[in-house]
Amino acid sequence: MKKLYVHYEGQIVGQLTQDDDLIYSYQYNDNWLNNKNSFPISLSLPLQKEAFGNRLSLSFFENLLPEGDVKKEIEEAQALKGVFSFLEQFGKDCAGAITVSRSFEIPPNTGKNKIEIDLQKIYSAMEEKRAIANVIAEENPGYLSLAGAQDKFPGIYHNSRLYLPIEGQPTTHIIKAPIWRHNIKESVYNELYIMQLAKSVGFQIPNCFILKGPHPLFIIERYDRYFKKNKDVRRIHQQDFCQAQGIVSDKKYEKEGGPSIRANYDLILKHVSPKKRLESVETFLKWICFNLIVGNNDCHSKNISFLYNEGKVELTPFYDLLSTTVYPKLIRAFAYKIGQTTEYHKMSTKEFHLTERLIGVKEGKLITIFNLVLQKILKERKAITQKLMVEYPEVKIFSTINEDIDLRVKTFKNQNIINE
């Protein structure tokens, strides 16, 4: 029997256990259950004395890990295997506010010391097509547990330099490398453009920018951190929509058994505070429409999250926004069904109306939102494109994305989705 302990701000929250048959369970600590300020680490793991079984336990903790090629490379290089060993090695700085440790003792989190990251090692890894996350794993084991398939790591950005904490304190930024596999070109500029476009049409977006150098790095400020006036940093707990619904990362897309638009819509209605509930479900539908228009087929349920902030559940700022349809080898189907289809060229008014009925909104509501978001995109994109093309004249992806948007708009117009 092996155990890992879950910590939050100097308190033991619970323990994750793996038995001799490799079955996982998670159980809250009695002191946490009796604490008036306690909260469930996931909506799928409500506060209770009884232990949770394998599926629900994994649905939260497995979703903290990297995925795909990045995870495989780290596991091979670090001789790791499975969720338990990965968290044991890299649980110091997870998404949200918890940390995971093999020790029952509370880890420190107030230190100020940090080490500077040698960017040349990062650039060399990129040139050799190795995962930059593995470079960080070698530099400072513990600060790596960021979910997703992209090659990225958490750190501290200050005065154009990158650092890793060495005394348990929170990281403040996420650093992403260009995606070079599958002929995916200029991905960091793609993400910068789509994030700026999203901000211009009214979405809450974290601060993000490109760190220039031999190879560009995409830097994004962590929204699950609270920056105090005295420059201390506090973790804020979060959970993605797969964690919140007890679903492992292999099923993050609807077609693989993951959440639908209806499931996510109902999740927001059920858990967001009444004051922000209607605004939040409308923001969610705007997000769906935005992703359809810009061609982000990767807007699965791990790419939308809740913050647990001062006792209230609320939507996080949006993140991981990328035009994926400009890359022919990436997934061609949308992450969710609109009506009965995931193919945008088949999304007629009939399919939109079916989705409206499924989520229980007035007929025409989703189409109206779609058109409002589209008008904002068409109004704002020219200025953003021109600004970025001046700053990065060698980059071609901005024009490619706009050509793809124009093609998608033409198709939606032919399907009578767009109001003239």
Protein backbone atom coordinates (compact mmCIF):
# COMPACT_ATOMS: atom_id res chain seq x y z
CA MET A 1 0.00 0.00 0.00
CA LYS A 2 1.42 3.37 -1.06
CA LYS A 3 0.21 6.83 0.01
CA LEU A 4 0.55 10.40 -1.16
CA TYR A 5 -0.68 13.30 0.95
CA VAL A 6 -2.66 16.24 -0.41
CA HIS A 7 -1.90 19.65 1.14
CA TYR A 8 -3.53 23.07 1.02
CA GLU A 9 -2.05 26.17 2.69
CA GLY A 10 -0.45 24.36 5.59
CA GLN A 11 -3.19 21.78 6.08
CA ILE A 12 -3.58 18.12 5.24
CA VAL A 13 -6.57 17.72 2.94
CA GLY A 14 -6.50 13.97 2.37
CA GLN A 15 -4.53 11.06 1.00
CA LEU A 16 -4.32 9.29 -2.34
CA THR A 17 -3.69 5.56 -1.96
CA GLN A 18 -2.58 2.87 -4.40
CA ASP A 19 -2.97 -0.71 -3.20
CA ASP A 20 -1.06 -3.83 -4.23
CA ASP A 21 -3.51 -4.41 -7.10
CA LEU A 22 -2.75 -0.88 -8.42
CA ILE A 23 -6.22 0.31 -7.45
CA TYR A 24 -6.50 3.95 -6.40
CA SER A 25 -8.61 5.51 -3.68
CA TYR A 26 -8.84 9.00 -2.22
CA GLN A 27 -10.02 9.91 1.27
CA TYR A 28 -10.39 13.25 3.03
CA ASN A 29 -8.60 13.81 6.32
CA ASP A 30 -10.84 14.08 9.40
CA ASN A 31 -9.39 17.47 10.36
CA TRP A 32 -10.19 18.78 6.88
CA LEU A 33 -13.75 17.50 7.10
CA ASN A 34 -14.17 19.26 10.45
CA ASN A 35 -12.68 22.54 9.22
CA LYS A 36 -15.40 25.16 8.63
CA ASN A 37 -13.38 26.59 5.72
CA SER A 38 -12.83 23.28 3.96
CA PHE A 39 -13.97 22.64 0.39
CA PRO A 40 -14.06 19.61 -1.93
CA ILE A 41 -11.02 19.42 -4.20
CA SER A 42 -13.45 18.43 -6.96
CA LEU A 43 -17.19 18.59 -7.44
CA SER A 44 -16.95 14.87 -8.22
CA LEU A 45 -15.27 14.31 -4.82
CA PRO A 46 -17.70 15.91 -2.34
CA LEU A 47 -16.73 16.18 1.31
CA GLN A 48 -17.41 12.82 2.95
CA LYS A 49 -15.75 10.47 5.39
CA GLU A 50 -15.85 7.42 3.11
CA ALA A 51 -13.04 6.84 0.62
CA PHE A 52 -13.67 7.28 -3.11
CA GLY A 53 -13.01 4.41 -5.50
CA ASN A 54 -10.59 4.03 -8.37
CA ARG A 55 -12.48 5.84 -11.16
CA LEU A 56 -13.39 8.99 -9.26
CA SER A 57 -10.00 9.19 -7.58
CA LEU A 58 -8.19 8.92 -10.91
CA SER A 59 -10.55 11.38 -12.59
CA PHE A 60 -9.13 14.15 -10.44
CA PHE A 61 -5.49 13.20 -9.94
CA GLU A 62 -4.78 11.75 -13.40
CA ASN A 63 -6.09 14.98 -14.93
CA LEU A 64 -3.28 16.89 -13.18
CA LEU A 65 -0.66 15.21 -15.37
CA PRO A 66 0.80 15.97 -18.79
CA GLU A 67 -0.51 13.85 -21.65
CA GLY A 68 0.63 12.21 -24.85
CA ASP A 69 4.17 12.43 -26.22
CA VAL A 70 5.34 14.86 -23.52
CA LYS A 71 4.26 12.54 -20.71
CA LYS A 72 5.85 9.52 -22.40
CA GLU A 73 9.19 11.28 -22.83
CA ILE A 74 9.27 12.43 -19.21
CA GLU A 75 8.33 8.98 -17.94
CA GLU A 76 11.07 7.33 -20.00
CA ALA A 77 13.74 9.87 -19.03
CA GLN A 78 12.81 9.89 -15.33
CA ALA A 79 12.05 6.15 -15.05
CA LEU A 80 8.46 6.82 -13.99
CA LYS A 81 5.38 4.71 -14.55
CA GLY A 82 1.80 5.59 -13.77
CA VAL A 83 -0.10 8.33 -12.00
CA PHE A 84 1.26 7.60 -8.53
CA SER A 85 4.96 7.78 -9.40
CA PHE A 86 4.43 10.89 -11.54
CA LEU A 87 2.66 12.77 -8.74
CA GLU A 88 5.17 11.52 -6.20
CA GLN A 89 7.92 13.13 -8.26
CA PHE A 90 6.14 16.22 -9.58
CA GLY A 91 3.31 17.13 -7.22
CA LYS A 92 4.80 20.30 -5.72
CA ASP A 93 3.01 22.77 -7.96
CA CYS A 94 -0.20 21.43 -9.49
CA ALA A 95 -2.91 23.33 -11.30
CA GLY A 96 -4.95 25.06 -8.61
CA ALA A 97 -4.10 25.27 -4.93
CA ILE A 98 -3.25 21.77 -3.78
CA THR A 99 0.17 20.16 -3.61
CA VAL A 100 0.89 16.45 -3.49
CA SER A 101 3.71 14.98 -1.44
CA ARG A 102 4.92 11.62 -0.17
CA SER A 103 5.41 13.28 3.22
CA PHE A 104 2.73 13.88 5.84
CA GLU A 105 4.67 16.96 6.91
CA ILE A 106 3.42 20.25 5.51
CA PRO A 107 5.72 21.48 2.71
CA PRO A 108 7.00 25.07 2.96
CA ASN A 109 5.44 27.61 0.62
CA THR A 110 6.65 31.00 1.76
CA GLY A 111 10.26 30.99 0.56
CA LYS A 112 11.65 33.62 -1.78
CA ASN A 113 14.69 31.83 -3.18
CA LYS A 114 14.69 30.73 -6.78
CA ILE A 115 17.08 29.53 -9.45
CA GLU A 116 17.34 31.01 -12.92
CA ILE A 117 16.49 28.73 -15.82
CA ASP A 118 19.24 28.42 -18.42
CA LEU A 119 17.29 29.33 -21.55
CA GLN A 120 20.00 27.87 -23.75
CA LYS A 121 19.09 24.43 -22.39
CA ILE A 122 15.49 25.11 -23.36
CA TYR A 123 16.46 26.22 -26.87
CA SER A 124 18.76 23.20 -27.32
CA ALA A 125 15.99 20.82 -26.30
CA MET A 126 13.66 22.44 -28.82
CA GLU A 127 16.25 22.14 -31.61
CA GLU A 128 16.76 18.47 -30.73
CA LYS A 129 12.97 18.00 -30.60
CA ARG A 130 13.05 16.94 -26.96
CA ALA A 131 10.39 17.97 -24.45
CA ILE A 132 11.31 21.17 -22.62
CA ALA A 133 9.27 19.89 -19.69
CA ASN A 134 11.86 17.13 -19.31
CA VAL A 135 14.63 19.74 -19.09
CA ILE A 136 12.78 21.32 -16.19
CA ALA A 137 12.25 17.91 -14.61
CA GLU A 138 16.02 17.42 -14.59
CA GLU A 139 16.66 20.92 -13.22
CA ASN A 140 14.24 20.85 -10.31
CA PRO A 141 12.06 17.78 -9.77
CA GLY A 142 8.70 18.75 -8.38
CA TYR A 143 7.64 21.72 -10.50
CA LEU A 144 6.06 20.05 -13.47
CA SER A 145 2.54 18.77 -12.86
CA LEU A 146 0.72 20.75 -15.53
CA ALA A 147 -2.04 18.96 -17.39
CA GLY A 148 -2.38 18.71 -21.14
CA ALA A 149 -0.64 17.52 -24.29
CA GLN A 150 1.34 20.70 -25.01
CA ASP A 151 5.01 20.96 -24.07
CA LYS A 152 5.02 23.44 -21.19
CA PHE A 153 6.18 24.01 -17.65
CA PRO A 154 5.39 26.34 -14.73
CA GLY A 155 7.88 28.97 -13.61
CA ILE A 156 8.37 32.53 -12.46
CA TYR A 157 8.84 35.31 -15.03
CA HIS A 158 10.60 38.49 -13.93
CA ASN A 159 12.47 41.12 -15.96
CA SER A 160 12.70 38.93 -19.08
CA ARG A 161 14.16 36.04 -17.10
CA LEU A 162 12.64 32.71 -16.08
CA TYR A 163 13.09 31.09 -12.68
CA LEU A 164 12.09 28.00 -10.70
CA PRO A 165 11.24 28.23 -6.99
CA ILE A 166 13.28 26.05 -4.63
CA GLU A 167 11.37 26.42 -1.36
CA GLY A 168 7.86 25.31 -2.22
CA GLN A 169 6.44 28.70 -3.18
CA PRO A 170 3.93 28.94 -6.05
CA THR A 171 4.95 29.48 -9.64
CA THR A 172 3.38 32.49 -11.36
CA HIS A 173 3.54 31.80 -15.10
CA ILE A 174 3.21 28.97 -17.61
CA ILE A 175 5.81 28.72 -20.38
CA LYS A 176 4.93 26.98 -23.64
CA ALA A 177 7.24 25.90 -26.45
CA PRO A 178 6.28 25.93 -30.14
CA ILE A 179 4.58 22.70 -31.21
CA TRP A 180 6.91 21.34 -33.87
CA ARG A 181 5.53 17.83 -34.23
CA HIS A 182 3.00 17.02 -37.00
CA ASN A 183 4.21 20.07 -38.99
CA ILE A 184 2.46 22.50 -36.65
CA LYS A 185 4.08 25.82 -37.48
CA GLU A 186 4.16 29.07 -35.50
CA SER A 187 1.87 27.71 -32.77
CA VAL A 188 2.94 30.30 -30.18
CA TYR A 189 1.98 33.13 -32.54
CA ASN A 190 -1.26 31.34 -33.35
CA GLU A 191 -2.14 31.18 -29.66
CA LEU A 192 -1.11 34.79 -29.08
CA TYR A 193 -3.38 35.95 -31.91
CA ILE A 194 -6.41 33.89 -30.87
CA MET A 195 -6.02 34.92 -27.21
CA GLN A 196 -5.84 38.60 -28.17
CA LEU A 197 -8.84 38.18 -30.46
CA ALA A 198 -10.77 36.55 -27.61
CA LYS A 199 -9.90 39.40 -25.26
CA SER A 200 -11.00 42.00 -27.82
CA VAL A 201 -14.46 40.42 -28.13
CA GLY A 202 -15.01 40.52 -24.37
CA PHE A 203 -13.67 37.30 -22.86
CA GLN A 204 -11.63 37.32 -19.68
CA ILE A 205 -8.13 36.25 -20.73
CA PRO A 206 -4.92 36.01 -18.65
CA ASN A 207 -2.03 38.29 -19.55
CA CYS A 208 0.15 36.61 -22.17
CA PHE A 209 3.01 37.50 -24.50
CA ILE A 210 5.94 36.12 -26.52
CA LEU A 211 9.39 35.96 -24.95
CA LYS A 212 11.70 36.66 -27.87
CA GLY A 213 14.93 34.76 -28.38
CA PRO A 214 16.47 32.18 -30.72
CA HIS A 215 13.09 30.45 -30.46
CA PRO A 216 9.88 32.13 -29.26
CA LEU A 217 8.30 31.05 -25.98
CA PHE A 218 4.68 31.77 -25.10
CA ILE A 219 4.34 33.15 -21.55
CA ILE A 220 0.98 33.26 -19.80
CA GLU A 221 0.26 34.55 -16.32
CA ARG A 222 -1.40 31.97 -14.09
CA TYR A 223 -5.01 32.83 -13.28
CA ASP A 224 -4.98 30.36 -10.39
CA ARG A 225 -2.67 32.63 -8.43
CA TYR A 226 -3.47 35.68 -6.30
CA PHE A 227 -0.78 38.36 -6.32
CA LYS A 228 -0.73 40.24 -3.03
CA LYS A 229 0.44 43.84 -2.65
CA ASN A 230 3.48 42.70 -0.67
CA LYS A 231 4.43 40.58 -3.71
CA ASP A 232 3.57 37.30 -1.99
CA VAL A 233 1.69 34.82 -4.15
CA ARG A 234 -1.22 32.66 -3.02
CA ARG A 235 -2.60 29.63 -4.80
CA ILE A 236 -6.30 29.57 -5.79
CA HIS A 237 -7.94 26.20 -6.26
CA GLN A 238 -9.28 25.17 -9.65
CA GLN A 239 -10.67 22.10 -11.38
CA ASP A 240 -11.30 21.50 -15.05
CA PHE A 241 -14.68 20.30 -16.30
CA CYS A 242 -13.46 16.71 -16.67
CA GLN A 243 -12.32 16.63 -13.06
CA ALA A 244 -15.59 18.24 -11.95
CA GLN A 245 -17.60 15.49 -13.66
CA GLY A 246 -15.44 12.50 -12.73
CA ILE A 247 -14.03 11.91 -16.23
CA VAL A 248 -10.45 10.87 -17.05
CA SER A 249 -8.43 12.70 -19.71
CA ASP A 250 -8.80 9.90 -22.30
CA LYS A 251 -12.50 10.85 -22.52
CA LYS A 252 -12.15 14.63 -22.69
CA TYR A 253 -13.85 14.82 -26.13
CA GLU A 254 -17.58 14.22 -26.40
CA LYS A 255 -17.14 11.62 -29.16
CA GLU A 256 -14.96 9.58 -26.76
CA GLY A 257 -17.61 9.63 -24.05
CA GLY A 258 -16.72 13.01 -22.55
CA PRO A 259 -19.00 15.88 -21.55
CA SER A 260 -21.42 17.38 -24.07
CA ILE A 261 -22.46 21.02 -24.37
CA ARG A 262 -25.57 20.09 -22.36
CA ALA A 263 -23.52 18.45 -19.58
CA ASN A 264 -21.22 21.45 -19.25
CA TYR A 265 -24.11 23.90 -19.44
CA ASP A 266 -25.92 22.05 -16.65
CA LEU A 267 -22.71 21.88 -14.60
CA ILE A 268 -22.46 25.67 -14.67
CA LEU A 269 -26.15 26.12 -13.84
CA LYS A 270 -25.85 23.78 -10.88
CA HIS A 271 -22.66 25.06 -9.27
CA VAL A 272 -21.98 28.71 -10.13
CA SER A 273 -23.39 31.14 -7.58
CA PRO A 274 -26.87 32.50 -8.44
CA LYS A 275 -25.47 36.00 -8.89
CA LYS A 276 -23.21 34.90 -11.77
CA ARG A 277 -25.12 31.89 -13.06
CA LEU A 278 -26.91 33.37 -16.08
CA GLU A 279 -23.89 35.42 -17.10
CA SER A 280 -21.70 32.31 -16.87
CA VAL A 281 -23.88 30.03 -19.01
CA GLU A 282 -24.10 32.76 -21.66
CA THR A 283 -20.32 33.21 -21.53
CA PHE A 284 -19.96 29.45 -22.00
CA LEU A 285 -22.18 29.55 -25.11
CA LYS A 286 -20.19 32.52 -26.44
CA TRP A 287 -17.02 30.46 -25.91
CA ILE A 288 -18.51 27.59 -27.93
CA CYS A 289 -19.40 29.99 -30.77
CA PHE A 290 -16.00 31.70 -30.67
CA ASN A 291 -14.21 28.37 -31.00
CA LEU A 292 -16.45 27.38 -33.92
CA ILE A 293 -15.66 30.61 -35.75
CA VAL A 294 -11.87 30.66 -35.22
CA GLY A 295 -11.52 26.92 -35.82
CA ASN A 296 -10.48 25.73 -32.36
CA ASN A 297 -11.55 22.10 -32.48
CA ASP A 298 -9.55 21.38 -29.32
CA CYS A 299 -11.92 23.17 -26.91
CA HIS A 300 -12.59 19.96 -24.98
CA SER A 301 -13.69 19.85 -21.36
CA LYS A 302 -10.17 20.00 -19.94
CA ASN A 303 -9.83 23.41 -21.57
CA ILE A 304 -12.53 25.02 -19.46
CA SER A 305 -12.37 25.19 -15.66
CA PHE A 306 -13.86 26.42 -12.41
CA LEU A 307 -12.07 28.48 -9.79
CA TYR A 308 -12.98 27.97 -6.14
CA ASN A 309 -12.46 31.52 -4.90
CA GLU A 310 -13.49 32.77 -1.44
CA GLY A 311 -16.07 30.03 -1.09
CA LYS A 312 -17.64 30.57 -4.52
CA VAL A 313 -17.45 28.55 -7.72
CA GLU A 314 -16.86 30.64 -10.85
CA LEU A 315 -15.59 30.22 -14.39
CA THR A 316 -11.88 30.76 -14.86
CA PRO A 317 -10.54 33.06 -17.55
CA PHE A 318 -10.30 31.19 -20.86
CA TYR A 319 -7.04 29.56 -21.94
CA ASP A 320 -5.48 27.24 -24.55
CA LEU A 321 -7.21 29.05 -27.40
CA LEU A 322 -5.68 28.10 -30.73
CA SER A 323 -6.87 27.86 -34.32
CA THR A 324 -6.34 24.14 -34.85
CA THR A 325 -8.07 23.86 -38.22
CA VAL A 326 -5.19 25.63 -40.00
CA TYR A 327 -3.16 22.46 -39.37
CA PRO A 328 -4.46 19.66 -41.65
CA LYS A 329 -3.05 16.84 -39.49
CA LEU A 330 -4.84 17.91 -36.32
CA ILE A 331 -8.28 16.69 -35.34
CA ARG A 332 -10.91 17.75 -37.90
CA ALA A 333 -13.98 17.25 -35.73
CA PHE A 334 -15.23 19.87 -33.28
CA ALA A 335 -14.88 18.90 -29.61
CA TYR A 336 -18.68 18.89 -29.14
CA LYS A 337 -21.72 17.99 -31.18
CA ILE A 338 -23.83 20.83 -32.49
CA GLY A 339 -27.10 18.97 -32.90
CA GLN A 340 -25.95 15.61 -34.25
CA THR A 341 -22.70 16.63 -35.96
CA THR A 342 -19.13 17.65 -35.10
CA GLU A 343 -18.35 18.77 -38.67
CA TYR A 344 -18.78 22.51 -39.08
CA HIS A 345 -19.84 22.35 -42.74
CA LYS A 346 -22.86 20.25 -41.65
CA MET A 347 -23.97 22.64 -38.89
CA SER A 348 -27.25 24.02 -40.21
CA THR A 349 -29.92 26.02 -38.40
CA LYS A 350 -31.60 22.67 -37.73
CA GLU A 351 -28.55 21.47 -35.78
CA PHE A 352 -28.30 24.74 -33.83
CA HIS A 353 -32.00 24.58 -32.93
CA LEU A 354 -31.57 20.98 -31.75
CA THR A 355 -28.76 22.10 -29.42
CA GLU A 356 -30.94 24.94 -28.15
CA ARG A 357 -33.69 22.45 -27.28
CA LEU A 358 -31.21 20.09 -25.62
CA ILE A 359 -29.90 22.78 -23.26
CA GLY A 360 -33.31 24.31 -22.72
CA VAL A 361 -32.92 27.81 -24.16
CA LYS A 362 -35.26 29.75 -26.42
CA GLU A 363 -35.11 28.81 -30.10
CA GLY A 364 -32.70 31.13 -31.91
CA LYS A 365 -30.71 31.96 -28.75
CA LEU A 366 -27.52 30.12 -29.78
CA ILE A 367 -27.70 31.47 -33.33
CA THR A 368 -28.11 35.02 -31.99
CA ILE A 369 -25.06 34.57 -29.74
CA PHE A 370 -23.11 33.13 -32.67
CA ASN A 371 -23.85 36.19 -34.79
CA LEU A 372 -22.97 38.63 -32.00
CA VAL A 373 -19.60 36.93 -31.44
CA LEU A 374 -18.94 36.82 -35.18
CA GLN A 375 -19.61 40.54 -35.61
CA LYS A 376 -17.17 41.36 -32.80
CA ILE A 377 -14.50 39.13 -34.35
CA LEU A 378 -14.93 40.69 -37.79
CA LYS A 379 -14.81 44.16 -36.25
CA GLU A 380 -11.66 43.60 -34.17
CA ARG A 381 -9.48 41.19 -36.11
CA LYS A 382 -8.08 43.64 -38.67
CA ALA A 383 -6.52 45.93 -36.07
CA ILE A 384 -5.10 43.00 -34.09
CA THR A 385 -3.70 41.40 -37.24
CA GLN A 386 -2.03 44.60 -38.39
CA LYS A 387 -0.50 45.22 -34.97
CA LEU A 388 0.97 41.72 -34.74
CA MET A 389 2.22 41.75 -38.34
CA VAL A 390 4.16 44.94 -37.59
CA GLU A 391 5.66 43.37 -34.48
CA TYR A 392 6.34 39.99 -36.11
CA PRO A 393 6.69 40.67 -39.87
CA GLU A 394 8.21 37.24 -40.56
CA VAL A 395 5.19 35.36 -39.18
CA LYS A 396 2.71 33.97 -41.72
CA ILE A 397 0.16 32.31 -39.45
CA PHE A 398 -1.93 35.47 -38.87
CA SER A 399 -2.92 35.62 -42.54
CA THR A 400 -3.48 31.87 -42.67
CA ILE A 401 -5.87 32.02 -39.72
CA ASN A 402 -7.85 34.87 -41.26
CA GLU A 403 -8.17 33.01 -44.54
CA ASP A 404 -9.49 30.01 -42.63
CA ILE A 405 -11.97 32.19 -40.70
CA ASP A 406 -13.21 33.66 -44.00
CA LEU A 407 -13.76 30.15 -45.36
CA ARG A 408 -15.66 29.12 -42.25
CA VAL A 409 -17.79 32.27 -42.36
CA LYS A 410 -18.68 31.56 -45.98
CA THR A 411 -19.71 28.03 -45.05
CA PHE A 412 -21.84 29.18 -42.08
CA LYS A 413 -23.46 31.76 -44.36
CA ASN A 414 -24.36 29.04 -46.86
CA GLN A 415 -25.92 27.07 -43.99
CA ASN A 416 -28.06 30.09 -43.05
CA ILE A 417 -26.43 30.39 -39.61
CA ILE A 418 -25.25 33.95 -40.29
CA ASN A 419 -27.78 36.75 -40.32
CA GLU A 420 -27.30 39.16 -43.22
